[in-house]
Amino acid sequence: MKVKVITSLLAVSGAFLLSPAAHAVDADAAQALAKKEGCMKCHALDKKKEASSYKEIAKKWAGKPDAQAKLVNHITSGEKVKMEDGSEEDHKIIKTKDVAEQKNLVDWILSVK
């Protein structure tokens, strides 16, 4: 009997931890970080600037299970990006080393509708 209760509690706890509510995006913190790091110089919410809009990025990565990991790597590694004029340059590396802040920023970008 105790095993069933413990198993049920673990299942409910696991479901909660995997739910979107458990990993809610702090949009204000993400936007503040994007501004602080200079991301908004090249990106806008819903229009193309020097780079794709966050809305376009979210659409491109929608439903891809590796989206968060790929985008965290993108903002922390300085990999090459193609600009509007066809030239390539290194993507700016964000300064924060706080992984939670990095993931929150990426999760916010992926949530833009």
PDB file of N, CA and C in Angstrom:
ATOM      1  N   MET A   1       0.819  -1.196   0.000  1.00  0.00           N
ATOM      2  CA  MET A   1       0.000   0.000   0.000  1.00  0.00           C
ATOM      3  C   MET A   1       0.863   1.260   0.000  1.00  0.00           C
ATOM      4  N   LYS A   2       1.875   1.314   0.875  1.00  0.00           N
ATOM      5  CA  LYS A   2       2.744   2.484   0.943  1.00  0.00           C
ATOM      6  C   LYS A   2       3.487   2.688  -0.373  1.00  0.00           C
ATOM      7  N   VAL A   3       3.863   1.615  -1.021  1.00  0.00           N
ATOM      8  CA  VAL A   3       4.577   1.715  -2.300  1.00  0.00           C
ATOM      9  C   VAL A   3       3.691   2.383  -3.342  1.00  0.00           C
ATOM     10  N   LYS A   4       2.416   2.039  -3.376  1.00  0.00           N
ATOM     11  CA  LYS A   4       1.484   2.649  -4.324  1.00  0.00           C
ATOM     12  C   LYS A   4       1.319   4.148  -4.045  1.00  0.00           C
ATOM     13  N   VAL A   5       1.231   4.524  -2.797  1.00  0.00           N
ATOM     14  CA  VAL A   5       1.084   5.933  -2.427  1.00  0.00           C
ATOM     15  C   VAL A   5       2.336   6.705  -2.833  1.00  0.00           C
ATOM     16  N   ILE A   6       3.499   6.151  -2.529  1.00  0.00           N
ATOM     17  CA  ILE A   6       4.759   6.802  -2.879  1.00  0.00           C
ATOM     18  C   ILE A   6       4.899   6.912  -4.394  1.00  0.00           C
ATOM     19  N   THR A   7       4.563   5.850  -5.104  1.00  0.00           N
ATOM     20  CA  THR A   7       4.631   5.867  -6.570  1.00  0.00           C
ATOM     21  C   THR A   7       3.692   6.926  -7.131  1.00  0.00           C
ATOM     22  N   SER A   8       2.502   7.021  -6.592  1.00  0.00           N
ATOM     23  CA  SER A   8       1.530   8.025  -7.053  1.00  0.00           C
ATOM     24  C   SER A   8       2.040   9.437  -6.786  1.00  0.00           C
ATOM     25  N   LEU A   9       2.596   9.663  -5.601  1.00  0.00           N
ATOM     26  CA  LEU A   9       3.131  10.981  -5.278  1.00  0.00           C
ATOM     27  C   LEU A   9       4.291  11.351  -6.196  1.00  0.00           C
ATOM     28  N   LEU A  10       5.145  10.401  -6.488  1.00  0.00           N
ATOM     29  CA  LEU A  10       6.255  10.660  -7.397  1.00  0.00           C
ATOM     30  C   LEU A  10       5.756  10.983  -8.803  1.00  0.00           C
ATOM     31  N   ALA A  11       4.743  10.274  -9.247  1.00  0.00           N
ATOM     32  CA  ALA A  11       4.193  10.525 -10.585  1.00  0.00           C
ATOM     33  C   ALA A  11       3.583  11.924 -10.666  1.00  0.00           C
ATOM     34  N   VAL A  12       2.840  12.315  -9.652  1.00  0.00           N
ATOM     35  CA  VAL A  12       2.224  13.646  -9.634  1.00  0.00           C
ATOM     36  C   VAL A  12       3.310  14.718  -9.560  1.00  0.00           C
ATOM     37  N   SER A  13       4.315  14.506  -8.719  1.00  0.00           N
ATOM     38  CA  SER A  13       5.422  15.463  -8.607  1.00  0.00           C
ATOM     39  C   SER A  13       6.159  15.593  -9.929  1.00  0.00           C
ATOM     40  N   GLY A  14       6.412  14.481 -10.569  1.00  0.00           N
ATOM     41  CA  GLY A  14       7.104  14.507 -11.860  1.00  0.00           C
ATOM     42  C   GLY A  14       6.305  15.234 -12.921  1.00  0.00           C
ATOM     43  N   ALA A  15       5.011  15.009 -12.939  1.00  0.00           N
ATOM     44  CA  ALA A  15       4.148  15.690 -13.911  1.00  0.00           C
ATOM     45  C   ALA A  15       4.168  17.194 -13.672  1.00  0.00           C
ATOM     46  N   PHE A  16       4.146  17.611 -12.408  1.00  0.00           N
ATOM     47  CA  PHE A  16       4.200  19.043 -12.107  1.00  0.00           C
ATOM     48  C   PHE A  16       5.521  19.645 -12.560  1.00  0.00           C
ATOM     49  N   LEU A  17       6.612  18.968 -12.279  1.00  0.00           N
ATOM     50  CA  LEU A  17       7.931  19.499 -12.646  1.00  0.00           C
ATOM     51  C   LEU A  17       8.102  19.623 -14.148  1.00  0.00           C
ATOM     52  N   LEU A  18       7.419  18.798 -14.901  1.00  0.00           N
ATOM     53  CA  LEU A  18       7.516  18.860 -16.352  1.00  0.00           C
ATOM     54  C   LEU A  18       6.481  19.783 -16.975  1.00  0.00           C
ATOM     55  N   SER A  19       5.561  20.292 -16.177  1.00  0.00           N
ATOM     56  CA  SER A  19       4.516  21.155 -16.714  1.00  0.00           C
ATOM     57  C   SER A  19       5.055  22.548 -16.995  1.00  0.00           C
ATOM     58  N   PRO A  20       4.444  23.262 -17.936  1.00  0.00           N
ATOM     59  CA  PRO A  20       4.875  24.622 -18.240  1.00  0.00           C
ATOM     60  C   PRO A  20       4.809  25.559 -17.046  1.00  0.00           C
ATOM     61  N   ALA A  21       3.854  25.356 -16.146  1.00  0.00           N
ATOM     62  CA  ALA A  21       3.734  26.231 -14.982  1.00  0.00           C
ATOM     63  C   ALA A  21       4.952  26.147 -14.085  1.00  0.00           C
ATOM     64  N   ALA A  22       5.582  24.987 -14.029  1.00  0.00           N
ATOM     65  CA  ALA A  22       6.760  24.820 -13.180  1.00  0.00           C
ATOM     66  C   ALA A  22       7.963  25.548 -13.760  1.00  0.00           C
ATOM     67  N   HIS A  23       7.935  25.809 -15.039  1.00  0.00           N
ATOM     68  CA  HIS A  23       9.056  26.458 -15.713  1.00  0.00           C
ATOM     69  C   HIS A  23       8.603  27.748 -16.388  1.00  0.00           C
ATOM     70  N   ALA A  24       7.816  28.525 -15.669  1.00  0.00           N
ATOM     71  CA  ALA A  24       7.277  29.752 -16.237  1.00  0.00           C
ATOM     72  C   ALA A  24       8.404  30.717 -16.583  1.00  0.00           C
ATOM     73  N   VAL A  25       8.242  31.371 -17.690  1.00  0.00           N
ATOM     74  CA  VAL A  25       9.219  32.339 -18.164  1.00  0.00           C
ATOM     75  C   VAL A  25       9.023  33.649 -17.421  1.00  0.00           C
ATOM     76  N   ASP A  26      10.110  34.234 -16.976  1.00  0.00           N
ATOM     77  CA  ASP A  26      10.073  35.566 -16.382  1.00  0.00           C
ATOM     78  C   ASP A  26      10.354  36.549 -17.515  1.00  0.00           C
ATOM     79  N   ALA A  27       9.282  36.977 -18.179  1.00  0.00           N
ATOM     80  CA  ALA A  27       9.408  37.828 -19.369  1.00  0.00           C
ATOM     81  C   ALA A  27      10.097  39.154 -19.056  1.00  0.00           C
ATOM     82  N   ASP A  28       9.777  39.742 -17.910  1.00  0.00           N
ATOM     83  CA  ASP A  28      10.398  41.026 -17.558  1.00  0.00           C
ATOM     84  C   ASP A  28      11.909  40.883 -17.403  1.00  0.00           C
ATOM     85  N   ALA A  29      12.332  39.814 -16.724  1.00  0.00           N
ATOM     86  CA  ALA A  29      13.764  39.587 -16.534  1.00  0.00           C
ATOM     87  C   ALA A  29      14.448  39.295 -17.866  1.00  0.00           C
ATOM     88  N   ALA A  30      13.790  38.527 -18.723  1.00  0.00           N
ATOM     89  CA  ALA A  30      14.364  38.191 -20.027  1.00  0.00           C
ATOM     90  C   ALA A  30      14.520  39.433 -20.892  1.00  0.00           C
ATOM     91  N   GLN A  31      13.492  40.273 -20.927  1.00  0.00           N
ATOM     92  CA  GLN A  31      13.566  41.491 -21.728  1.00  0.00           C
ATOM     93  C   GLN A  31      14.617  42.442 -21.193  1.00  0.00           C
ATOM     94  N   ALA A  32      14.717  42.536 -19.873  1.00  0.00           N
ATOM     95  CA  ALA A  32      15.742  43.392 -19.272  1.00  0.00           C
ATOM     96  C   ALA A  32      17.140  42.882 -19.632  1.00  0.00           C
ATOM     97  N   LEU A  33      17.324  41.570 -19.600  1.00  0.00           N
ATOM     98  CA  LEU A  33      18.617  40.995 -19.965  1.00  0.00           C
ATOM     99  C   LEU A  33      18.916  41.229 -21.441  1.00  0.00           C
ATOM    100  N   ALA A  34      17.914  41.071 -22.297  1.00  0.00           N
ATOM    101  CA  ALA A  34      18.105  41.293 -23.733  1.00  0.00           C
ATOM    102  C   ALA A  34      18.531  42.735 -24.002  1.00  0.00           C
ATOM    103  N   LYS A  35      17.925  43.667 -23.301  1.00  0.00           N
ATOM    104  CA  LYS A  35      18.299  45.079 -23.467  1.00  0.00           C
ATOM    105  C   LYS A  35      19.699  45.330 -22.937  1.00  0.00           C
ATOM    106  N   LYS A  36      19.983  44.807 -21.748  1.00  0.00           N
ATOM    107  CA  LYS A  36      21.292  44.995 -21.117  1.00  0.00           C
ATOM    108  C   LYS A  36      22.413  44.422 -21.973  1.00  0.00           C
ATOM    109  N   GLU A  37      22.174  43.267 -22.580  1.00  0.00           N
ATOM    110  CA  GLU A  37      23.198  42.586 -23.365  1.00  0.00           C
ATOM    111  C   GLU A  37      23.300  43.116 -24.802  1.00  0.00           C
ATOM    112  N   GLY A  38      22.405  44.021 -25.189  1.00  0.00           N
ATOM    113  CA  GLY A  38      22.458  44.601 -26.524  1.00  0.00           C
ATOM    114  C   GLY A  38      21.779  43.769 -27.602  1.00  0.00           C
ATOM    115  N   CYS A  39      20.992  42.778 -27.198  1.00  0.00           N
ATOM    116  CA  CYS A  39      20.316  41.909 -28.169  1.00  0.00           C
ATOM    117  C   CYS A  39      19.327  42.693 -29.031  1.00  0.00           C
ATOM    118  N   MET A  40      18.710  43.721 -28.424  1.00  0.00           N
ATOM    119  CA  MET A  40      17.682  44.489 -29.120  1.00  0.00           C
ATOM    120  C   MET A  40      18.266  45.400 -30.202  1.00  0.00           C
ATOM    121  N   LYS A  41      19.570  45.514 -30.241  1.00  0.00           N
ATOM    122  CA  LYS A  41      20.207  46.287 -31.308  1.00  0.00           C
ATOM    123  C   LYS A  41      19.949  45.619 -32.661  1.00  0.00           C
ATOM    124  N   CYS A  42      20.014  44.309 -32.702  1.00  0.00           N
ATOM    125  CA  CYS A  42      19.854  43.561 -33.953  1.00  0.00           C
ATOM    126  C   CYS A  42      18.498  42.879 -34.074  1.00  0.00           C
ATOM    127  N   HIS A  43      17.858  42.574 -32.940  1.00  0.00           N
ATOM    128  CA  HIS A  43      16.587  41.849 -32.928  1.00  0.00           C
ATOM    129  C   HIS A  43      15.472  42.735 -32.394  1.00  0.00           C
ATOM    130  N   ALA A  44      14.283  42.537 -32.915  1.00  0.00           N
ATOM    131  CA  ALA A  44      13.068  43.174 -32.391  1.00  0.00           C
ATOM    132  C   ALA A  44      12.050  42.067 -32.126  1.00  0.00           C
ATOM    133  N   LEU A  45      10.995  42.402 -31.427  1.00  0.00           N
ATOM    134  CA  LEU A  45       9.982  41.393 -31.125  1.00  0.00           C
ATOM    135  C   LEU A  45       9.332  40.826 -32.377  1.00  0.00           C
ATOM    136  N   ASP A  46       8.834  41.713 -33.236  1.00  0.00           N
ATOM    137  CA  ASP A  46       8.022  41.213 -34.344  1.00  0.00           C
ATOM    138  C   ASP A  46       8.375  41.804 -35.707  1.00  0.00           C
ATOM    139  N   LYS A  47       9.544  42.420 -35.814  1.00  0.00           N
ATOM    140  CA  LYS A  47       9.965  42.905 -37.127  1.00  0.00           C
ATOM    141  C   LYS A  47      11.454  42.644 -37.312  1.00  0.00           C
ATOM    142  N   LYS A  48      11.829  42.453 -38.534  1.00  0.00           N
ATOM    143  CA  LYS A  48      13.223  42.185 -38.850  1.00  0.00           C
ATOM    144  C   LYS A  48      14.015  43.482 -38.752  1.00  0.00           C
ATOM    145  N   LYS A  49      15.154  43.419 -38.091  1.00  0.00           N
ATOM    146  CA  LYS A  49      16.088  44.537 -38.044  1.00  0.00           C
ATOM    147  C   LYS A  49      17.329  44.060 -38.793  1.00  0.00           C
ATOM    148  N   GLU A  50      18.451  44.063 -38.123  1.00  0.00           N
ATOM    149  CA  GLU A  50      19.663  43.499 -38.720  1.00  0.00           C
ATOM    150  C   GLU A  50      19.609  41.976 -38.707  1.00  0.00           C
ATOM    151  N   ALA A  51      18.753  41.459 -37.849  1.00  0.00           N
ATOM    152  CA  ALA A  51      18.609  40.001 -37.701  1.00  0.00           C
ATOM    153  C   ALA A  51      17.125  39.666 -37.587  1.00  0.00           C
ATOM    154  N   SER A  52      16.829  38.396 -37.587  1.00  0.00           N
ATOM    155  CA  SER A  52      15.439  37.930 -37.486  1.00  0.00           C
ATOM    156  C   SER A  52      14.774  38.453 -36.221  1.00  0.00           C
ATOM    157  N   SER A  53      13.457  38.630 -36.302  1.00  0.00           N
ATOM    158  CA  SER A  53      12.703  39.026 -35.118  1.00  0.00           C
ATOM    159  C   SER A  53      12.597  37.822 -34.178  1.00  0.00           C
ATOM    160  N   TYR A  54      12.306  38.113 -32.918  1.00  0.00           N
ATOM    161  CA  TYR A  54      12.118  37.020 -31.971  1.00  0.00           C
ATOM    162  C   TYR A  54      10.914  36.164 -32.372  1.00  0.00           C
ATOM    163  N   LYS A  55       9.916  36.776 -32.965  1.00  0.00           N
ATOM    164  CA  LYS A  55       8.742  36.035 -33.441  1.00  0.00           C
ATOM    165  C   LYS A  55       9.158  35.033 -34.520  1.00  0.00           C
ATOM    166  N   GLU A  56      10.023  35.454 -35.448  1.00  0.00           N
ATOM    167  CA  GLU A  56      10.504  34.558 -36.502  1.00  0.00           C
ATOM    168  C   GLU A  56      11.355  33.427 -35.918  1.00  0.00           C
ATOM    169  N   ILE A  57      12.172  33.773 -34.935  1.00  0.00           N
ATOM    170  CA  ILE A  57      13.019  32.759 -34.294  1.00  0.00           C
ATOM    171  C   ILE A  57      12.146  31.724 -33.587  1.00  0.00           C
ATOM    172  N   ALA A  58      11.144  32.206 -32.850  1.00  0.00           N
ATOM    173  CA  ALA A  58      10.238  31.287 -32.137  1.00  0.00           C
ATOM    174  C   ALA A  58       9.535  30.363 -33.123  1.00  0.00           C
ATOM    175  N   LYS A  59       9.089  30.910 -34.242  1.00  0.00           N
ATOM    176  CA  LYS A  59       8.398  30.106 -35.259  1.00  0.00           C
ATOM    177  C   LYS A  59       9.350  29.061 -35.850  1.00  0.00           C
ATOM    178  N   LYS A  60      10.575  29.456 -36.140  1.00  0.00           N
ATOM    179  CA  LYS A  60      11.566  28.543 -36.724  1.00  0.00           C
ATOM    180  C   LYS A  60      11.853  27.360 -35.800  1.00  0.00           C
ATOM    181  N   TRP A  61      11.926  27.623 -34.502  1.00  0.00           N
ATOM    182  CA  TRP A  61      12.312  26.592 -33.545  1.00  0.00           C
ATOM    183  C   TRP A  61      11.130  25.896 -32.880  1.00  0.00           C
ATOM    184  N   ALA A  62       9.908  26.290 -33.199  1.00  0.00           N
ATOM    185  CA  ALA A  62       8.715  25.718 -32.560  1.00  0.00           C
ATOM    186  C   ALA A  62       8.682  24.201 -32.702  1.00  0.00           C
ATOM    187  N   GLY A  63       8.464  23.532 -31.569  1.00  0.00           N
ATOM    188  CA  GLY A  63       8.313  22.078 -31.574  1.00  0.00           C
ATOM    189  C   GLY A  63       9.600  21.290 -31.661  1.00  0.00           C
ATOM    190  N   LYS A  64      10.727  21.948 -31.771  1.00  0.00           N
ATOM    191  CA  LYS A  64      12.002  21.227 -31.857  1.00  0.00           C
ATOM    192  C   LYS A  64      12.525  20.978 -30.446  1.00  0.00           C
ATOM    193  N   PRO A  65      12.720  19.711 -30.099  1.00  0.00           N
ATOM    194  CA  PRO A  65      13.099  19.383 -28.726  1.00  0.00           C
ATOM    195  C   PRO A  65      14.458  19.937 -28.296  1.00  0.00           C
ATOM    196  N   ASP A  66      15.319  20.219 -29.238  1.00  0.00           N
ATOM    197  CA  ASP A  66      16.651  20.720 -28.895  1.00  0.00           C
ATOM    198  C   ASP A  66      16.753  22.237 -29.013  1.00  0.00           C
ATOM    199  N   ALA A  67      15.626  22.923 -29.159  1.00  0.00           N
ATOM    200  CA  ALA A  67      15.626  24.368 -29.388  1.00  0.00           C
ATOM    201  C   ALA A  67      16.327  25.133 -28.275  1.00  0.00           C
ATOM    202  N   GLN A  68      15.973  24.853 -27.033  1.00  0.00           N
ATOM    203  CA  GLN A  68      16.574  25.593 -25.924  1.00  0.00           C
ATOM    204  C   GLN A  68      18.092  25.410 -25.902  1.00  0.00           C
ATOM    205  N   ALA A  69      18.555  24.184 -25.983  1.00  0.00           N
ATOM    206  CA  ALA A  69      19.989  23.911 -25.931  1.00  0.00           C
ATOM    207  C   ALA A  69      20.726  24.575 -27.094  1.00  0.00           C
ATOM    208  N   LYS A  70      20.156  24.498 -28.283  1.00  0.00           N
ATOM    209  CA  LYS A  70      20.793  25.092 -29.466  1.00  0.00           C
ATOM    210  C   LYS A  70      20.880  26.612 -29.330  1.00  0.00           C
ATOM    211  N   LEU A  71      19.796  27.230 -28.867  1.00  0.00           N
ATOM    212  CA  LEU A  71      19.804  28.684 -28.756  1.00  0.00           C
ATOM    213  C   LEU A  71      20.670  29.174 -27.596  1.00  0.00           C
ATOM    214  N   VAL A  72      20.715  28.446 -26.496  1.00  0.00           N
ATOM    215  CA  VAL A  72      21.638  28.814 -25.410  1.00  0.00           C
ATOM    216  C   VAL A  72      23.068  28.755 -25.945  1.00  0.00           C
ATOM    217  N   ASN A  73      23.387  27.705 -26.682  1.00  0.00           N
ATOM    218  CA  ASN A  73      24.714  27.611 -27.277  1.00  0.00           C
ATOM    219  C   ASN A  73      24.967  28.794 -28.220  1.00  0.00           C
ATOM    220  N   HIS A  74      23.959  29.156 -28.987  1.00  0.00           N
ATOM    221  CA  HIS A  74      24.080  30.241 -29.963  1.00  0.00           C
ATOM    222  C   HIS A  74      24.430  31.570 -29.289  1.00  0.00           C
ATOM    223  N   ILE A  75      23.802  31.866 -28.152  1.00  0.00           N
ATOM    224  CA  ILE A  75      24.043  33.149 -27.496  1.00  0.00           C
ATOM    225  C   ILE A  75      25.264  33.140 -26.583  1.00  0.00           C
ATOM    226  N   THR A  76      25.855  31.959 -26.385  1.00  0.00           N
ATOM    227  CA  THR A  76      27.011  31.867 -25.483  1.00  0.00           C
ATOM    228  C   THR A  76      28.300  31.443 -26.174  1.00  0.00           C
ATOM    229  N   SER A  77      28.234  31.098 -27.466  1.00  0.00           N
ATOM    230  CA  SER A  77      29.430  30.555 -28.123  1.00  0.00           C
ATOM    231  C   SER A  77      30.053  31.463 -29.174  1.00  0.00           C
ATOM    232  N   GLY A  78      29.306  32.440 -29.665  1.00  0.00           N
ATOM    233  CA  GLY A  78      29.851  33.333 -30.687  1.00  0.00           C
ATOM    234  C   GLY A  78      29.920  32.719 -32.070  1.00  0.00           C
ATOM    235  N   GLU A  79      29.070  31.733 -32.341  1.00  0.00           N
ATOM    236  CA  GLU A  79      29.088  31.102 -33.664  1.00  0.00           C
ATOM    237  C   GLU A  79      28.706  32.108 -34.745  1.00  0.00           C
ATOM    238  N   LYS A  80      29.035  31.800 -35.971  1.00  0.00           N
ATOM    239  CA  LYS A  80      28.775  32.689 -37.104  1.00  0.00           C
ATOM    240  C   LYS A  80      27.279  32.810 -37.381  1.00  0.00           C
ATOM    241  N   VAL A  81      26.874  34.012 -37.785  1.00  0.00           N
ATOM    242  CA  VAL A  81      25.505  34.270 -38.211  1.00  0.00           C
ATOM    243  C   VAL A  81      25.545  34.994 -39.546  1.00  0.00           C
ATOM    244  N   LYS A  82      24.534  34.722 -40.363  1.00  0.00           N
ATOM    245  CA  LYS A  82      24.442  35.381 -41.661  1.00  0.00           C
ATOM    246  C   LYS A  82      23.597  36.639 -41.503  1.00  0.00           C
ATOM    247  N   MET A  83      24.131  37.742 -41.979  1.00  0.00           N
ATOM    248  CA  MET A  83      23.443  39.024 -41.883  1.00  0.00           C
ATOM    249  C   MET A  83      22.550  39.235 -43.102  1.00  0.00           C
ATOM    250  N   GLU A  84      21.705  40.240 -43.038  1.00  0.00           N
ATOM    251  CA  GLU A  84      20.776  40.560 -44.119  1.00  0.00           C
ATOM    252  C   GLU A  84      21.487  40.764 -45.451  1.00  0.00           C
ATOM    253  N   ASP A  85      22.664  41.381 -45.421  1.00  0.00           N
ATOM    254  CA  ASP A  85      23.385  41.669 -46.664  1.00  0.00           C
ATOM    255  C   ASP A  85      24.174  40.467 -47.186  1.00  0.00           C
ATOM    256  N   GLY A  86      24.050  39.324 -46.512  1.00  0.00           N
ATOM    257  CA  GLY A  86      24.742  38.114 -46.937  1.00  0.00           C
ATOM    258  C   GLY A  86      26.093  37.898 -46.269  1.00  0.00           C
ATOM    259  N   SER A  87      26.590  38.911 -45.604  1.00  0.00           N
ATOM    260  CA  SER A  87      27.870  38.769 -44.911  1.00  0.00           C
ATOM    261  C   SER A  87      27.693  37.910 -43.658  1.00  0.00           C
ATOM    262  N   GLU A  88      28.796  37.442 -43.120  1.00  0.00           N
ATOM    263  CA  GLU A  88      28.759  36.661 -41.883  1.00  0.00           C
ATOM    264  C   GLU A  88      29.582  37.354 -40.821  1.00  0.00           C
ATOM    265  N   GLU A  89      29.137  37.221 -39.598  1.00  0.00           N
ATOM    266  CA  GLU A  89      29.906  37.735 -38.480  1.00  0.00           C
ATOM    267  C   GLU A  89      29.627  36.873 -37.259  1.00  0.00           C
ATOM    268  N   ASP A  90      30.473  37.011 -36.253  1.00  0.00           N
ATOM    269  CA  ASP A  90      30.281  36.259 -35.017  1.00  0.00           C
ATOM    270  C   ASP A  90      29.095  36.839 -34.261  1.00  0.00           C
ATOM    271  N   HIS A  91      28.218  35.954 -33.781  1.00  0.00           N
ATOM    272  CA  HIS A  91      27.108  36.411 -32.946  1.00  0.00           C
ATOM    273  C   HIS A  91      27.689  36.888 -31.630  1.00  0.00           C
ATOM    274  N   LYS A  92      27.170  37.986 -31.129  1.00  0.00           N
ATOM    275  CA  LYS A  92      27.627  38.525 -29.848  1.00  0.00           C
ATOM    276  C   LYS A  92      27.360  37.513 -28.732  1.00  0.00           C
ATOM    277  N   ILE A  93      28.333  37.336 -27.879  1.00  0.00           N
ATOM    278  CA  ILE A  93      28.197  36.441 -26.726  1.00  0.00           C
ATOM    279  C   ILE A  93      27.643  37.250 -25.559  1.00  0.00           C
ATOM    280  N   ILE A  94      26.571  36.746 -24.957  1.00  0.00           N
ATOM    281  CA  ILE A  94      26.044  37.466 -23.803  1.00  0.00           C
ATOM    282  C   ILE A  94      27.003  37.291 -22.626  1.00  0.00           C
ATOM    283  N   LYS A  95      27.059  38.300 -21.789  1.00  0.00           N
ATOM    284  CA  LYS A  95      28.032  38.313 -20.695  1.00  0.00           C
ATOM    285  C   LYS A  95      27.619  37.470 -19.498  1.00  0.00           C
ATOM    286  N   THR A  96      26.315  37.346 -19.261  1.00  0.00           N
ATOM    287  CA  THR A  96      25.886  36.601 -18.081  1.00  0.00           C
ATOM    288  C   THR A  96      26.312  35.140 -18.182  1.00  0.00           C
ATOM    289  N   LYS A  97      26.841  34.639 -17.095  1.00  0.00           N
ATOM    290  CA  LYS A  97      27.226  33.221 -17.025  1.00  0.00           C
ATOM    291  C   LYS A  97      26.196  32.419 -16.238  1.00  0.00           C
ATOM    292  N   ASP A  98      25.148  33.110 -15.785  1.00  0.00           N
ATOM    293  CA  ASP A  98      24.082  32.459 -15.031  1.00  0.00           C
ATOM    294  C   ASP A  98      23.217  31.640 -15.996  1.00  0.00           C
ATOM    295  N   VAL A  99      23.323  30.325 -15.893  1.00  0.00           N
ATOM    296  CA  VAL A  99      22.622  29.425 -16.803  1.00  0.00           C
ATOM    297  C   VAL A  99      21.107  29.621 -16.718  1.00  0.00           C
ATOM    298  N   ALA A 100      20.585  29.877 -15.537  1.00  0.00           N
ATOM    299  CA  ALA A 100      19.142  30.099 -15.389  1.00  0.00           C
ATOM    300  C   ALA A 100      18.717  31.349 -16.160  1.00  0.00           C
ATOM    301  N   GLU A 101      19.524  32.403 -16.116  1.00  0.00           N
ATOM    302  CA  GLU A 101      19.209  33.621 -16.875  1.00  0.00           C
ATOM    303  C   GLU A 101      19.283  33.348 -18.376  1.00  0.00           C
ATOM    304  N   GLN A 102      20.286  32.599 -18.799  1.00  0.00           N
ATOM    305  CA  GLN A 102      20.433  32.260 -20.217  1.00  0.00           C
ATOM    306  C   GLN A 102      19.211  31.480 -20.696  1.00  0.00           C
ATOM    307  N   LYS A 103      18.818  30.463 -19.932  1.00  0.00           N
ATOM    308  CA  LYS A 103      17.670  29.636 -20.312  1.00  0.00           C
ATOM    309  C   LYS A 103      16.372  30.434 -20.271  1.00  0.00           C
ATOM    310  N   ASN A 104      16.228  31.323 -19.297  1.00  0.00           N
ATOM    311  CA  ASN A 104      15.022  32.149 -19.230  1.00  0.00           C
ATOM    312  C   ASN A 104      14.938  33.047 -20.465  1.00  0.00           C
ATOM    313  N   LEU A 105      16.057  33.633 -20.868  1.00  0.00           N
ATOM    314  CA  LEU A 105      16.078  34.478 -22.067  1.00  0.00           C
ATOM    315  C   LEU A 105      15.658  33.673 -23.291  1.00  0.00           C
ATOM    316  N   VAL A 106      16.244  32.510 -23.452  1.00  0.00           N
ATOM    317  CA  VAL A 106      15.919  31.657 -24.602  1.00  0.00           C
ATOM    318  C   VAL A 106      14.459  31.206 -24.541  1.00  0.00           C
ATOM    319  N   ASP A 107      13.996  30.808 -23.380  1.00  0.00           N
ATOM    320  CA  ASP A 107      12.600  30.375 -23.254  1.00  0.00           C
ATOM    321  C   ASP A 107      11.644  31.521 -23.573  1.00  0.00           C
ATOM    322  N   TRP A 108      12.008  32.737 -23.180  1.00  0.00           N
ATOM    323  CA  TRP A 108      11.183  33.903 -23.518  1.00  0.00           C
ATOM    324  C   TRP A 108      11.166  34.099 -25.037  1.00  0.00           C
ATOM    325  N   ILE A 109      12.340  34.039 -25.667  1.00  0.00           N
ATOM    326  CA  ILE A 109      12.401  34.186 -27.122  1.00  0.00           C
ATOM    327  C   ILE A 109      11.516  33.145 -27.785  1.00  0.00           C
ATOM    328  N   LEU A 110      11.601  31.904 -27.328  1.00  0.00           N
ATOM    329  CA  LEU A 110      10.808  30.823 -27.920  1.00  0.00           C
ATOM    330  C   LEU A 110       9.304  30.983 -27.670  1.00  0.00           C
ATOM    331  N   SER A 111       8.944  31.790 -26.674  1.00  0.00           N
ATOM    332  CA  SER A 111       7.523  31.977 -26.354  1.00  0.00           C
ATOM    333  C   SER A 111       6.892  33.144 -27.104  1.00  0.00           C
ATOM    334  N   VAL A 112       7.677  33.928 -27.813  1.00  0.00           N
ATOM    335  CA  VAL A 112       7.144  35.105 -28.512  1.00  0.00           C
ATOM    336  C   VAL A 112       6.172  34.657 -29.600  1.00  0.00           C
ATOM    337  N   LYS A 113       5.010  35.224 -29.595  1.00  0.00           N
ATOM    338  CA  LYS A 113       3.960  34.872 -30.569  1.00  0.00           C
ATOM    339  C   LYS A 113       3.742  36.012 -31.538  1.00  0.00           C
TER     340      LYS A 113
END
